[in-house]
């Protein structure tokens, strides 16, 4: 029994020392093009989802309006589009981030869900407000007001629904009322 206890103690000490040595002198994946660490997704996603679920607002303080959607679209274009793309134009460098920045105006494989439209608005609000470590997603709580964060969160929650032409123009990178890029003007 004493040998077993000694073996257990030595084993419990050696594993952290081995991991520390590998991290310090080995070649852990730190570049964007590197593969994931073993169990990285589980180690990061499980606590992240638990925390978001426990802290995200359960009710939305705004009733979505055309003005809120337009304001959310303008905020999205200014603050989010560089990483998350515009409608019909994915971000050029999102695929070169680790993890990849989700393209929030692209339909999922089933075609019914667009971006994060299947997430509760409170979840998107939490992510925008607090950011996500090790993803490149910044915290906007000191950059945007709570109302602005709700406006962009509500817009993204409704990305799979019909939006006004003005909102669509903004999330496509156009000025509202401008003809779509590549459109040929009608002859007069």
N, C-alpha and C. Protein backbone atom coordinates (compact mmCIF):
# COMPACT_ATOMS: atom_id res chain seq x y z
N UNK A 1 0.83 -1.19 0.00
CA UNK A 1 0.00 0.00 0.00
C UNK A 1 0.88 1.26 0.00
N UNK A 2 1.99 1.23 0.71
CA UNK A 2 2.90 2.37 0.77
C UNK A 2 3.48 2.66 -0.60
N UNK A 3 3.85 1.60 -1.35
CA UNK A 3 4.40 1.77 -2.71
C UNK A 3 3.37 2.41 -3.63
N UNK A 4 2.13 1.98 -3.48
CA UNK A 4 1.07 2.55 -4.31
C UNK A 4 0.93 4.05 -4.02
N UNK A 5 0.93 4.43 -2.74
CA UNK A 5 0.79 5.83 -2.36
C UNK A 5 1.97 6.65 -2.88
N UNK A 6 3.17 6.11 -2.77
CA UNK A 6 4.36 6.82 -3.27
C UNK A 6 4.27 6.97 -4.79
N UNK A 7 3.88 5.89 -5.46
CA UNK A 7 3.73 5.94 -6.92
C UNK A 7 2.68 6.96 -7.34
N UNK A 8 1.59 7.02 -6.61
CA UNK A 8 0.53 7.99 -6.91
C UNK A 8 1.04 9.42 -6.72
N UNK A 9 1.72 9.66 -5.64
CA UNK A 9 2.25 11.00 -5.37
C UNK A 9 3.27 11.40 -6.43
N UNK A 10 4.19 10.49 -6.76
CA UNK A 10 5.20 10.78 -7.79
C UNK A 10 4.51 11.04 -9.13
N UNK A 11 3.53 10.22 -9.46
CA UNK A 11 2.79 10.41 -10.71
C UNK A 11 2.08 11.75 -10.76
N UNK A 12 1.45 12.14 -9.66
CA UNK A 12 0.75 13.42 -9.61
C UNK A 12 1.71 14.60 -9.71
N UNK A 13 2.93 14.42 -9.27
CA UNK A 13 3.93 15.48 -9.39
C UNK A 13 4.56 15.53 -10.77
N UNK A 14 4.76 14.36 -11.38
CA UNK A 14 5.43 14.30 -12.68
C UNK A 14 4.58 14.85 -13.82
N UNK A 15 3.30 14.60 -13.79
CA UNK A 15 2.43 15.06 -14.88
C UNK A 15 2.47 16.58 -15.00
N UNK A 16 2.26 17.36 -13.93
CA UNK A 16 2.35 18.82 -14.09
C UNK A 16 3.74 19.27 -14.50
N UNK A 17 4.78 18.61 -14.00
CA UNK A 17 6.15 18.98 -14.39
C UNK A 17 6.39 18.71 -15.86
N UNK A 18 5.87 17.60 -16.36
CA UNK A 18 5.99 17.28 -17.79
C UNK A 18 5.26 18.32 -18.63
N UNK A 19 4.05 18.66 -18.25
CA UNK A 19 3.27 19.65 -19.00
C UNK A 19 3.97 21.01 -18.97
N UNK A 20 4.46 21.42 -17.81
CA UNK A 20 5.17 22.68 -17.70
C UNK A 20 6.43 22.69 -18.58
N UNK A 21 7.16 21.58 -18.56
CA UNK A 21 8.36 21.47 -19.41
C UNK A 21 8.01 21.55 -20.89
N UNK A 22 6.93 20.87 -21.29
CA UNK A 22 6.50 20.91 -22.69
C UNK A 22 6.09 22.32 -23.09
N UNK A 23 5.37 23.02 -22.21
CA UNK A 23 4.95 24.38 -22.52
C UNK A 23 6.15 25.32 -22.60
N UNK A 24 7.13 25.12 -21.74
CA UNK A 24 8.29 26.01 -21.68
C UNK A 24 9.32 25.71 -22.77
N UNK A 25 9.59 24.43 -23.03
CA UNK A 25 10.67 24.09 -23.95
C UNK A 25 10.19 23.40 -25.23
N UNK A 26 8.96 22.98 -25.22
CA UNK A 26 8.44 22.29 -26.40
C UNK A 26 7.94 23.29 -27.43
N UNK A 27 7.08 22.84 -28.26
CA UNK A 27 6.52 23.71 -29.29
C UNK A 27 5.00 23.64 -29.23
N UNK A 28 4.43 24.22 -28.17
CA UNK A 28 2.97 24.22 -28.10
C UNK A 28 2.40 25.08 -29.23
N UNK A 29 1.21 24.78 -29.67
CA UNK A 29 0.61 25.56 -30.76
C UNK A 29 0.25 26.97 -30.29
N UNK A 30 0.97 27.95 -30.80
CA UNK A 30 0.67 29.34 -30.45
C UNK A 30 0.39 30.19 -31.68
N UNK A 31 0.76 29.72 -32.85
CA UNK A 31 0.50 30.45 -34.09
C UNK A 31 -0.92 30.14 -34.57
N UNK A 32 -1.48 31.07 -35.30
CA UNK A 32 -2.85 30.90 -35.80
C UNK A 32 -2.99 29.64 -36.66
N UNK A 33 -1.98 29.32 -37.45
CA UNK A 33 -2.06 28.17 -38.34
C UNK A 33 -1.83 26.84 -37.61
N UNK A 34 -1.39 26.88 -36.35
CA UNK A 34 -1.17 25.64 -35.60
C UNK A 34 -2.50 24.97 -35.26
N UNK A 35 -2.42 23.68 -35.01
CA UNK A 35 -3.61 22.94 -34.58
C UNK A 35 -3.95 23.28 -33.13
N UNK A 36 -5.06 22.76 -32.68
CA UNK A 36 -5.50 23.01 -31.31
C UNK A 36 -4.71 22.18 -30.32
N UNK A 37 -4.64 22.67 -29.10
CA UNK A 37 -4.10 21.87 -28.00
C UNK A 37 -5.05 20.72 -27.74
N UNK A 38 -4.57 19.62 -27.18
CA UNK A 38 -5.48 18.53 -26.84
C UNK A 38 -6.56 19.04 -25.86
N UNK A 39 -7.78 18.76 -26.18
CA UNK A 39 -8.94 19.13 -25.36
C UNK A 39 -9.14 20.64 -25.22
N UNK A 40 -8.53 21.43 -26.09
CA UNK A 40 -8.64 22.89 -25.99
C UNK A 40 -10.09 23.36 -26.10
N UNK A 41 -10.81 22.82 -27.04
CA UNK A 41 -12.20 23.24 -27.24
C UNK A 41 -13.03 22.97 -25.99
N UNK A 42 -12.87 21.79 -25.40
CA UNK A 42 -13.64 21.45 -24.21
C UNK A 42 -13.20 22.31 -23.02
N UNK A 43 -11.90 22.53 -22.88
CA UNK A 43 -11.39 23.31 -21.76
C UNK A 43 -11.90 24.74 -21.82
N UNK A 44 -12.01 25.31 -23.00
CA UNK A 44 -12.42 26.69 -23.15
C UNK A 44 -13.94 26.83 -23.24
N UNK A 45 -14.59 26.00 -24.06
CA UNK A 45 -16.02 26.19 -24.32
C UNK A 45 -16.93 25.85 -23.15
N UNK A 46 -16.61 24.82 -22.39
CA UNK A 46 -17.51 24.42 -21.30
C UNK A 46 -17.65 25.55 -20.28
N UNK A 47 -16.54 26.09 -19.72
CA UNK A 47 -16.73 27.18 -18.76
C UNK A 47 -17.27 28.45 -19.39
N UNK A 48 -16.91 28.72 -20.65
CA UNK A 48 -17.40 29.92 -21.31
C UNK A 48 -18.93 29.87 -21.43
N UNK A 49 -19.44 28.76 -21.91
CA UNK A 49 -20.90 28.65 -22.07
C UNK A 49 -21.61 28.67 -20.73
N UNK A 50 -21.01 28.06 -19.72
CA UNK A 50 -21.62 28.08 -18.39
C UNK A 50 -21.69 29.51 -17.85
N UNK A 51 -20.61 30.26 -18.01
CA UNK A 51 -20.59 31.63 -17.50
C UNK A 51 -21.58 32.51 -18.25
N UNK A 52 -21.58 32.40 -19.57
CA UNK A 52 -22.52 33.21 -20.36
C UNK A 52 -23.95 32.88 -19.97
N UNK A 53 -24.26 31.60 -19.86
CA UNK A 53 -25.62 31.17 -19.50
C UNK A 53 -26.04 31.74 -18.15
N UNK A 54 -25.13 31.77 -17.19
CA UNK A 54 -25.50 32.25 -15.86
C UNK A 54 -25.56 33.77 -15.77
N UNK A 55 -24.81 34.50 -16.61
CA UNK A 55 -24.73 35.96 -16.49
C UNK A 55 -25.49 36.74 -17.55
N UNK A 56 -25.87 36.10 -18.66
CA UNK A 56 -26.49 36.86 -19.74
C UNK A 56 -27.87 37.37 -19.31
N UNK A 57 -28.25 38.55 -19.79
CA UNK A 57 -29.58 39.06 -19.48
C UNK A 57 -30.65 38.15 -20.09
N UNK A 58 -31.67 37.86 -19.32
CA UNK A 58 -32.73 36.98 -19.80
C UNK A 58 -33.83 37.75 -20.52
N UNK A 59 -33.93 39.05 -20.27
CA UNK A 59 -34.93 39.85 -20.97
C UNK A 59 -34.24 41.01 -21.68
N UNK A 60 -34.87 41.45 -22.74
CA UNK A 60 -34.32 42.52 -23.58
C UNK A 60 -35.01 43.83 -23.19
N UNK A 61 -34.24 44.86 -22.85
CA UNK A 61 -34.87 46.11 -22.43
C UNK A 61 -35.42 46.96 -23.57
N UNK A 62 -35.09 46.62 -24.83
CA UNK A 62 -35.58 47.37 -25.99
C UNK A 62 -36.60 46.55 -26.76
N UNK A 63 -37.61 47.21 -27.26
CA UNK A 63 -38.49 46.58 -28.23
C UNK A 63 -37.91 46.94 -29.59
N UNK A 64 -37.59 45.93 -30.41
CA UNK A 64 -36.93 46.25 -31.68
C UNK A 64 -37.80 47.17 -32.54
N UNK A 65 -37.15 48.20 -33.06
CA UNK A 65 -37.83 49.15 -33.94
C UNK A 65 -36.96 49.36 -35.17
N UNK A 66 -37.53 49.97 -36.19
CA UNK A 66 -36.78 50.25 -37.41
C UNK A 66 -35.56 51.13 -37.10
N UNK A 67 -35.75 52.10 -36.20
CA UNK A 67 -34.65 52.99 -35.83
C UNK A 67 -33.54 52.23 -35.10
N UNK A 68 -33.92 51.30 -34.22
CA UNK A 68 -32.92 50.50 -33.51
C UNK A 68 -32.16 49.58 -34.46
N UNK A 69 -32.87 48.98 -35.41
CA UNK A 69 -32.21 48.11 -36.39
C UNK A 69 -31.23 48.91 -37.25
N UNK A 70 -31.63 50.10 -37.66
CA UNK A 70 -30.74 50.94 -38.48
C UNK A 70 -29.52 51.36 -37.66
N UNK A 71 -29.74 51.76 -36.42
CA UNK A 71 -28.61 52.13 -35.55
C UNK A 71 -27.70 50.92 -35.33
N UNK A 72 -28.30 49.75 -35.10
CA UNK A 72 -27.52 48.52 -34.92
C UNK A 72 -26.71 48.19 -36.16
N UNK A 73 -27.30 48.41 -37.34
CA UNK A 73 -26.58 48.14 -38.59
C UNK A 73 -25.39 49.07 -38.75
N UNK A 74 -25.56 50.33 -38.39
CA UNK A 74 -24.45 51.28 -38.50
C UNK A 74 -23.33 50.92 -37.51
N UNK A 75 -23.71 50.54 -36.30
CA UNK A 75 -22.72 50.10 -35.31
C UNK A 75 -22.01 48.85 -35.82
N UNK A 76 -22.78 47.90 -36.36
CA UNK A 76 -22.18 46.67 -36.88
C UNK A 76 -21.16 46.99 -37.97
N UNK A 77 -21.55 47.84 -38.91
CA UNK A 77 -20.65 48.16 -40.02
C UNK A 77 -19.37 48.82 -39.51
N UNK A 78 -19.48 49.71 -38.53
CA UNK A 78 -18.31 50.42 -38.01
C UNK A 78 -17.45 49.57 -37.09
N UNK A 79 -18.06 48.74 -36.26
CA UNK A 79 -17.32 48.05 -35.21
C UNK A 79 -17.10 46.56 -35.44
N UNK A 80 -17.96 45.91 -36.21
CA UNK A 80 -17.96 44.45 -36.28
C UNK A 80 -17.58 43.87 -37.64
N UNK A 81 -17.88 44.60 -38.70
CA UNK A 81 -17.76 44.05 -40.06
C UNK A 81 -16.34 43.66 -40.44
N UNK A 82 -15.34 44.34 -39.90
CA UNK A 82 -13.96 44.00 -40.28
C UNK A 82 -13.66 42.54 -40.00
N UNK A 83 -14.14 42.02 -38.88
CA UNK A 83 -13.90 40.61 -38.53
C UNK A 83 -15.05 39.70 -38.96
N UNK A 84 -16.28 40.18 -38.82
CA UNK A 84 -17.45 39.31 -39.01
C UNK A 84 -18.11 39.46 -40.38
N UNK A 85 -17.58 40.31 -41.24
CA UNK A 85 -18.06 40.43 -42.60
C UNK A 85 -19.34 41.21 -42.75
N UNK A 86 -19.61 41.58 -43.99
CA UNK A 86 -20.86 42.25 -44.36
C UNK A 86 -21.76 41.24 -45.05
N UNK A 87 -23.00 41.58 -45.22
CA UNK A 87 -23.92 40.69 -45.92
C UNK A 87 -23.45 40.55 -47.37
N UNK A 88 -23.17 39.34 -47.78
CA UNK A 88 -22.70 39.08 -49.14
C UNK A 88 -21.21 39.27 -49.33
N UNK A 89 -20.50 39.73 -48.30
CA UNK A 89 -19.05 39.96 -48.39
C UNK A 89 -18.38 39.52 -47.10
N UNK A 90 -17.88 38.29 -47.05
CA UNK A 90 -17.20 37.85 -45.83
C UNK A 90 -15.93 38.65 -45.60
N UNK A 91 -15.49 38.67 -44.38
CA UNK A 91 -14.24 39.34 -44.01
C UNK A 91 -13.07 38.65 -44.68
N UNK A 92 -12.12 39.45 -45.16
CA UNK A 92 -10.94 38.88 -45.82
C UNK A 92 -10.03 38.14 -44.85
N UNK A 93 -9.92 38.62 -43.63
CA UNK A 93 -8.95 38.02 -42.73
C UNK A 93 -9.56 37.14 -41.64
N UNK A 94 -10.87 36.98 -41.60
CA UNK A 94 -11.50 36.16 -40.56
C UNK A 94 -11.02 34.72 -40.58
N UNK A 95 -10.78 34.19 -41.76
CA UNK A 95 -10.32 32.80 -41.87
C UNK A 95 -8.89 32.64 -41.39
N UNK A 96 -8.20 33.75 -41.21
CA UNK A 96 -6.81 33.70 -40.76
C UNK A 96 -6.69 34.04 -39.28
N UNK A 97 -7.80 33.98 -38.56
CA UNK A 97 -7.80 34.18 -37.12
C UNK A 97 -7.98 32.81 -36.46
N UNK A 98 -7.58 32.71 -35.20
CA UNK A 98 -7.81 31.46 -34.47
C UNK A 98 -8.42 31.80 -33.13
N UNK A 99 -9.60 31.29 -32.89
CA UNK A 99 -10.45 30.59 -33.84
C UNK A 99 -10.98 31.56 -34.89
N UNK A 100 -11.48 31.00 -35.98
CA UNK A 100 -12.00 31.84 -37.06
C UNK A 100 -13.14 32.70 -36.54
N UNK A 101 -13.18 33.93 -36.98
CA UNK A 101 -14.29 34.81 -36.61
C UNK A 101 -15.52 34.38 -37.40
N UNK A 102 -16.63 34.10 -36.71
CA UNK A 102 -17.83 33.69 -37.44
C UNK A 102 -18.34 34.82 -38.33
N UNK A 103 -18.78 34.46 -39.50
CA UNK A 103 -19.33 35.43 -40.44
C UNK A 103 -20.83 35.56 -40.14
N UNK A 104 -21.20 36.69 -39.58
CA UNK A 104 -22.53 36.83 -38.98
C UNK A 104 -23.65 37.12 -39.96
N UNK A 105 -23.34 37.23 -41.25
CA UNK A 105 -24.40 37.42 -42.25
C UNK A 105 -24.46 36.25 -43.22
N UNK A 106 -23.76 35.17 -42.93
CA UNK A 106 -23.81 33.98 -43.78
C UNK A 106 -24.78 32.97 -43.17
N UNK A 107 -25.62 32.38 -44.01
CA UNK A 107 -26.51 31.33 -43.49
C UNK A 107 -25.71 30.10 -43.08
N UNK A 108 -26.22 29.40 -42.07
CA UNK A 108 -25.64 28.13 -41.66
C UNK A 108 -25.92 27.09 -42.73
N UNK A 109 -25.40 25.91 -42.54
CA UNK A 109 -25.56 24.84 -43.53
C UNK A 109 -27.02 24.53 -43.85
N UNK A 110 -27.93 24.71 -42.88
CA UNK A 110 -29.34 24.41 -43.13
C UNK A 110 -30.05 25.56 -43.86
N UNK A 111 -29.42 26.73 -43.94
CA UNK A 111 -29.99 27.86 -44.65
C UNK A 111 -31.04 28.63 -43.87
N UNK A 112 -31.45 28.14 -42.71
CA UNK A 112 -32.49 28.80 -41.94
C UNK A 112 -31.92 29.80 -40.94
N UNK A 113 -30.76 29.49 -40.40
CA UNK A 113 -30.14 30.34 -39.39
C UNK A 113 -29.05 31.16 -40.05
N UNK A 114 -29.02 32.44 -39.74
CA UNK A 114 -27.98 33.34 -40.26
C UNK A 114 -27.16 33.82 -39.08
N UNK A 115 -25.85 33.60 -39.14
CA UNK A 115 -24.96 34.07 -38.08
C UNK A 115 -25.35 33.54 -36.73
N UNK A 116 -25.68 34.44 -35.81
CA UNK A 116 -26.05 34.05 -34.45
C UNK A 116 -27.55 34.27 -34.20
N UNK A 117 -28.35 34.26 -35.26
CA UNK A 117 -29.79 34.51 -35.11
C UNK A 117 -30.49 33.42 -34.31
N UNK A 118 -29.82 32.29 -34.07
CA UNK A 118 -30.41 31.25 -33.24
C UNK A 118 -30.02 31.38 -31.77
N UNK A 119 -29.17 32.35 -31.46
CA UNK A 119 -28.78 32.61 -30.07
C UNK A 119 -29.75 33.61 -29.46
N UNK A 120 -30.01 33.50 -28.16
CA UNK A 120 -30.83 34.54 -27.52
C UNK A 120 -30.10 35.89 -27.58
N UNK A 121 -30.84 36.99 -27.73
CA UNK A 121 -30.18 38.29 -27.78
C UNK A 121 -29.30 38.57 -26.57
N UNK A 122 -29.68 38.06 -25.40
CA UNK A 122 -28.89 38.27 -24.19
C UNK A 122 -27.51 37.63 -24.28
N UNK A 123 -27.41 36.51 -24.99
CA UNK A 123 -26.12 35.86 -25.17
C UNK A 123 -25.21 36.71 -26.05
N UNK A 124 -25.76 37.22 -27.16
CA UNK A 124 -24.97 38.09 -28.03
C UNK A 124 -24.58 39.36 -27.28
N UNK A 125 -25.52 39.92 -26.52
CA UNK A 125 -25.24 41.11 -25.72
C UNK A 125 -24.05 40.85 -24.79
N UNK A 126 -24.06 39.71 -24.09
CA UNK A 126 -22.98 39.38 -23.15
C UNK A 126 -21.65 39.30 -23.88
N UNK A 127 -21.64 38.64 -25.03
CA UNK A 127 -20.38 38.48 -25.78
C UNK A 127 -19.86 39.82 -26.28
N UNK A 128 -20.75 40.69 -26.77
CA UNK A 128 -20.33 42.00 -27.26
C UNK A 128 -19.84 42.85 -26.09
N UNK A 129 -20.55 42.85 -25.00
CA UNK A 129 -20.20 43.68 -23.85
C UNK A 129 -18.88 43.23 -23.21
N UNK A 130 -18.72 41.92 -23.01
CA UNK A 130 -17.58 41.40 -22.25
C UNK A 130 -16.43 40.91 -23.11
N UNK A 131 -16.66 40.63 -24.39
CA UNK A 131 -15.63 40.06 -25.24
C UNK A 131 -15.37 38.61 -24.88
N UNK A 132 -14.51 37.96 -25.64
CA UNK A 132 -14.18 36.55 -25.40
C UNK A 132 -12.66 36.40 -25.44
N UNK A 133 -12.10 35.96 -24.36
CA UNK A 133 -10.65 35.78 -24.28
C UNK A 133 -10.16 34.80 -25.33
N UNK A 134 -8.97 35.05 -25.79
CA UNK A 134 -8.25 34.18 -26.72
C UNK A 134 -8.96 33.99 -28.05
N UNK A 135 -9.85 34.92 -28.41
CA UNK A 135 -10.53 34.82 -29.70
C UNK A 135 -10.32 36.05 -30.57
N UNK A 136 -9.86 37.12 -30.01
CA UNK A 136 -9.77 38.38 -30.74
C UNK A 136 -11.02 39.22 -30.59
N UNK A 137 -12.06 38.68 -29.94
CA UNK A 137 -13.30 39.44 -29.73
C UNK A 137 -13.11 40.39 -28.56
N UNK A 138 -13.09 41.72 -28.86
CA UNK A 138 -12.87 42.68 -27.77
C UNK A 138 -14.13 42.90 -26.95
N UNK A 139 -13.95 43.45 -25.76
CA UNK A 139 -15.07 43.86 -24.92
C UNK A 139 -15.46 45.28 -25.32
N UNK A 140 -16.72 45.49 -25.61
CA UNK A 140 -17.20 46.81 -26.04
C UNK A 140 -17.86 47.60 -24.92
N UNK A 141 -17.77 47.13 -23.68
CA UNK A 141 -18.46 47.82 -22.60
C UNK A 141 -17.94 49.23 -22.35
N UNK A 142 -16.72 49.53 -22.73
CA UNK A 142 -16.18 50.89 -22.56
C UNK A 142 -16.20 51.67 -23.89
N UNK A 143 -16.65 51.03 -24.96
CA UNK A 143 -16.65 51.65 -26.29
C UNK A 143 -18.07 52.03 -26.71
N UNK A 144 -19.02 51.13 -26.46
CA UNK A 144 -20.41 51.34 -26.83
C UNK A 144 -21.27 51.46 -25.57
N UNK A 145 -22.37 52.18 -25.68
CA UNK A 145 -23.32 52.25 -24.57
C UNK A 145 -24.12 50.95 -24.51
N UNK A 146 -24.80 50.73 -23.39
CA UNK A 146 -25.66 49.54 -23.28
C UNK A 146 -26.71 49.54 -24.38
N UNK A 147 -27.28 50.71 -24.68
CA UNK A 147 -28.30 50.78 -25.74
C UNK A 147 -27.70 50.37 -27.08
N UNK A 148 -26.50 50.84 -27.39
CA UNK A 148 -25.86 50.46 -28.66
C UNK A 148 -25.57 48.97 -28.71
N UNK A 149 -25.12 48.40 -27.60
CA UNK A 149 -24.86 46.96 -27.57
C UNK A 149 -26.16 46.19 -27.79
N UNK A 150 -27.25 46.65 -27.18
CA UNK A 150 -28.54 45.99 -27.41
C UNK A 150 -28.99 46.16 -28.87
N UNK A 151 -28.75 47.33 -29.45
CA UNK A 151 -29.17 47.55 -30.83
C UNK A 151 -28.48 46.58 -31.78
N UNK A 152 -27.18 46.41 -31.64
CA UNK A 152 -26.47 45.49 -32.53
C UNK A 152 -26.84 44.04 -32.20
N UNK A 153 -27.08 43.73 -30.93
CA UNK A 153 -27.47 42.37 -30.54
C UNK A 153 -28.84 42.01 -31.11
N UNK A 154 -29.77 42.95 -31.05
CA UNK A 154 -31.11 42.70 -31.62
C UNK A 154 -31.05 42.56 -33.13
N UNK A 155 -30.22 43.38 -33.76
CA UNK A 155 -30.06 43.26 -35.22
C UNK A 155 -29.58 41.85 -35.57
N UNK A 156 -28.55 41.38 -34.89
CA UNK A 156 -27.99 40.05 -35.19
C UNK A 156 -28.97 38.93 -34.85
N UNK A 157 -29.79 39.12 -33.82
CA UNK A 157 -30.80 38.12 -33.48
C UNK A 157 -31.87 38.03 -34.56
N UNK A 158 -32.01 39.09 -35.35
CA UNK A 158 -33.03 39.12 -36.40
C UNK A 158 -32.42 39.05 -37.80
N UNK A 159 -31.18 38.62 -37.91
CA UNK A 159 -30.48 38.57 -39.20
C UNK A 159 -31.12 37.57 -40.16
N UNK A 160 -31.89 36.62 -39.65
CA UNK A 160 -32.54 35.64 -40.52
C UNK A 160 -33.95 36.07 -40.94
N UNK A 161 -34.36 37.26 -40.53
CA UNK A 161 -35.69 37.76 -40.86
C UNK A 161 -35.57 38.90 -41.88
N UNK A 162 -36.65 39.21 -42.59
CA UNK A 162 -36.59 40.35 -43.53
C UNK A 162 -36.31 41.65 -42.78
N UNK A 163 -35.40 42.41 -43.31
CA UNK A 163 -35.03 43.71 -42.74
C UNK A 163 -35.33 44.79 -43.76
N UNK A 164 -35.48 46.02 -43.31
CA UNK A 164 -35.80 47.12 -44.22
C UNK A 164 -34.68 47.32 -45.23
N UNK A 165 -35.00 47.88 -46.41
CA UNK A 165 -33.97 48.13 -47.41
C UNK A 165 -32.83 49.01 -46.89
N UNK A 166 -33.15 49.97 -45.99
CA UNK A 166 -32.10 50.84 -45.43
C UNK A 166 -31.12 50.02 -44.59
N UNK A 167 -31.64 49.13 -43.77
CA UNK A 167 -30.78 48.30 -42.91
C UNK A 167 -29.95 47.36 -43.77
N UNK A 168 -30.58 46.75 -44.76
CA UNK A 168 -29.86 45.83 -45.65
C UNK A 168 -28.73 46.57 -46.36
N UNK A 169 -29.01 47.79 -46.82
CA UNK A 169 -27.96 48.57 -47.51
C UNK A 169 -26.76 48.79 -46.59
N UNK A 170 -27.02 49.12 -45.33
CA UNK A 170 -25.92 49.38 -44.39
C UNK A 170 -25.12 48.11 -44.13
N UNK A 171 -25.79 46.97 -43.90
CA UNK A 171 -25.05 45.74 -43.62
C UNK A 171 -24.42 45.13 -44.87
N UNK A 172 -24.74 45.70 -46.02
CA UNK A 172 -24.04 45.32 -47.26
C UNK A 172 -22.88 46.27 -47.55
N UNK A 173 -22.70 47.28 -46.69
CA UNK A 173 -21.61 48.22 -46.87
C UNK A 173 -21.94 49.39 -47.77
N UNK A 174 -23.23 49.64 -48.00
CA UNK A 174 -23.65 50.73 -48.87
C UNK A 174 -24.25 51.84 -48.03
N UNK A 175 -24.44 52.98 -48.64
CA UNK A 175 -25.19 54.07 -48.03
C UNK A 175 -26.66 53.78 -48.31
N UNK A 176 -27.55 53.94 -47.32
CA UNK A 176 -28.97 53.69 -47.60
C UNK A 176 -29.44 54.48 -48.81
N UNK A 177 -30.17 53.80 -49.69
CA UNK A 177 -30.67 54.40 -50.92
C UNK A 177 -29.72 54.23 -52.09
N UNK A 178 -28.50 53.80 -51.84
CA UNK A 178 -27.50 53.59 -52.90
C UNK A 178 -27.81 52.28 -53.62
N UNK A 179 -27.57 52.24 -54.91
CA UNK A 179 -27.78 51.01 -55.67
C UNK A 179 -26.78 49.96 -55.22
N UNK A 180 -27.17 48.67 -55.23
CA UNK A 180 -26.24 47.61 -54.84
C UNK A 180 -24.98 47.65 -55.70
N UNK A 181 -23.86 47.29 -55.11
CA UNK A 181 -22.59 47.27 -55.84
C UNK A 181 -22.71 46.36 -57.04
N UNK A 182 -22.25 46.84 -58.18
CA UNK A 182 -22.31 46.04 -59.41
C UNK A 182 -23.61 46.23 -60.19
N UNK A 183 -24.56 46.98 -59.61
CA UNK A 183 -25.83 47.19 -60.31
C UNK A 183 -25.61 48.18 -61.44
N UNK A 184 -26.28 47.95 -62.54
CA UNK A 184 -26.18 48.83 -63.70
C UNK A 184 -27.36 49.80 -63.64
N UNK A 185 -27.11 51.12 -63.68
CA UNK A 185 -28.21 52.07 -63.62
C UNK A 185 -29.11 51.93 -64.85
N UNK A 186 -30.40 52.19 -64.64
CA UNK A 186 -31.37 52.09 -65.75
C UNK A 186 -31.15 53.23 -66.72
N UNK A 187 -31.36 52.96 -68.03
CA UNK A 187 -31.23 54.00 -69.06
C UNK A 187 -32.39 54.97 -68.93
N UNK A 188 -32.11 56.23 -69.16
CA UNK A 188 -33.19 57.24 -69.05
C UNK A 188 -33.61 57.70 -70.39
